[in-house]
């Protein structure tokens, strides 16, 4: 189940290569890895690509 403390999840529709972009924030990398595994198990998810936000300008 995707829910816990200090998490923020947002889902965006897009045009281009991807249909949806999920913005996922977790408290640890291990939790992030678990959430990614859950997303990839969703029926209809054919492919995923992960990018990490390193800084904001």
C-alpha atoms as a PDB file:
ATOM      1  CA  UNK A   1       0.000   0.000   0.000  1.00  0.00           C
ATOM      2  CA  UNK A   2       1.379   3.403  -0.937  1.00  0.00           C
ATOM      3  CA  UNK A   3       0.947   5.570   2.176  1.00  0.00           C
ATOM      4  CA  UNK A   4       3.098   6.719   5.104  1.00  0.00           C
ATOM      5  CA  UNK A   5       4.648   9.676   6.858  1.00  0.00           C
ATOM      6  CA  UNK A   6       6.414  12.501   5.038  1.00  0.00           C
ATOM      7  CA  UNK A   7       5.564  11.218   1.587  1.00  0.00           C
ATOM      8  CA  UNK A   8       4.258  13.214  -1.310  1.00  0.00           C
ATOM      9  CA  UNK A   9       2.928  11.616  -4.452  1.00  0.00           C
ATOM     10  CA  UNK A  10       1.659  13.507  -7.500  1.00  0.00           C
ATOM     11  CA  UNK A  11       0.554  12.152 -10.853  1.00  0.00           C
ATOM     12  CA  UNK A  12       0.763  14.243 -14.039  1.00  0.00           C
ATOM     13  CA  UNK A  13      -0.606  13.546 -17.517  1.00  0.00           C
ATOM     14  CA  UNK A  14       1.791  14.443 -20.309  1.00  0.00           C
ATOM     15  CA  UNK A  15       2.196  14.625 -24.042  1.00  0.00           C
ATOM     16  CA  UNK A  16       5.222  13.004 -25.596  1.00  0.00           C
ATOM     17  CA  UNK A  17       7.011   9.785 -24.785  1.00  0.00           C
ATOM     18  CA  UNK A  18       5.187   9.023 -21.526  1.00  0.00           C
ATOM     19  CA  UNK A  19       1.456   9.060 -20.764  1.00  0.00           C
ATOM     20  CA  UNK A  20       1.914   9.770 -17.065  1.00  0.00           C
ATOM     21  CA  UNK A  21       4.646  11.077 -14.800  1.00  0.00           C
ATOM     22  CA  UNK A  22       4.541  10.113 -11.123  1.00  0.00           C
ATOM     23  CA  UNK A  23       6.305  12.406  -8.670  1.00  0.00           C
ATOM     24  CA  UNK A  24       7.221  10.295  -5.632  1.00  0.00           C
ATOM     25  CA  UNK A  25       8.873  11.475  -2.419  1.00  0.00           C
ATOM     26  CA  UNK A  26       9.840   9.072   0.377  1.00  0.00           C
ATOM     27  CA  UNK A  27      11.860   9.253   3.573  1.00  0.00           C
ATOM     28  CA  UNK A  28      14.504   6.745   2.430  1.00  0.00           C
ATOM     29  CA  UNK A  29      15.926   5.105  -0.684  1.00  0.00           C
ATOM     30  CA  UNK A  30      14.785   1.681   0.495  1.00  0.00           C
ATOM     31  CA  UNK A  31      11.218   2.970   0.796  1.00  0.00           C
ATOM     32  CA  UNK A  32      11.532   4.567  -2.653  1.00  0.00           C
ATOM     33  CA  UNK A  33      12.667   1.221  -4.059  1.00  0.00           C
ATOM     34  CA  UNK A  34       9.656  -0.489  -2.477  1.00  0.00           C
ATOM     35  CA  UNK A  35       7.239   2.085  -3.945  1.00  0.00           C
ATOM     36  CA  UNK A  36       8.812   1.640  -7.402  1.00  0.00           C
ATOM     37  CA  UNK A  37       8.323  -2.130  -7.163  1.00  0.00           C
ATOM     38  CA  UNK A  38       4.649  -1.549  -6.267  1.00  0.00           C
ATOM     39  CA  UNK A  39       4.175   0.799  -9.232  1.00  0.00           C
ATOM     40  CA  UNK A  40       5.760  -1.687 -11.627  1.00  0.00           C
ATOM     41  CA  UNK A  41       3.345  -4.387 -10.417  1.00  0.00           C
ATOM     42  CA  UNK A  42       0.254  -2.322 -11.339  1.00  0.00           C
ATOM     43  CA  UNK A  43      -1.672  -3.987 -14.144  1.00  0.00           C
ATOM     44  CA  UNK A  44      -1.198  -1.957 -17.330  1.00  0.00           C
ATOM     45  CA  UNK A  45       2.209  -0.494 -16.424  1.00  0.00           C
ATOM     46  CA  UNK A  46       4.331  -1.614 -19.356  1.00  0.00           C
ATOM     47  CA  UNK A  47       7.509   0.362 -18.737  1.00  0.00           C
ATOM     48  CA  UNK A  48       8.986   2.870 -16.308  1.00  0.00           C
ATOM     49  CA  UNK A  49      11.926   5.234 -16.162  1.00  0.00           C
ATOM     50  CA  UNK A  50      13.335   6.728 -12.976  1.00  0.00           C
ATOM     51  CA  UNK A  51      14.950  10.148 -12.608  1.00  0.00           C
ATOM     52  CA  UNK A  52      16.137  11.569  -9.295  1.00  0.00           C
ATOM     53  CA  UNK A  53      15.831  15.282  -8.551  1.00  0.00           C
ATOM     54  CA  UNK A  54      19.249  16.411  -7.344  1.00  0.00           C
ATOM     55  CA  UNK A  55      18.609  20.116  -6.846  1.00  0.00           C
ATOM     56  CA  UNK A  56      16.206  22.923  -7.701  1.00  0.00           C
ATOM     57  CA  UNK A  57      17.191  26.227  -9.266  1.00  0.00           C
END
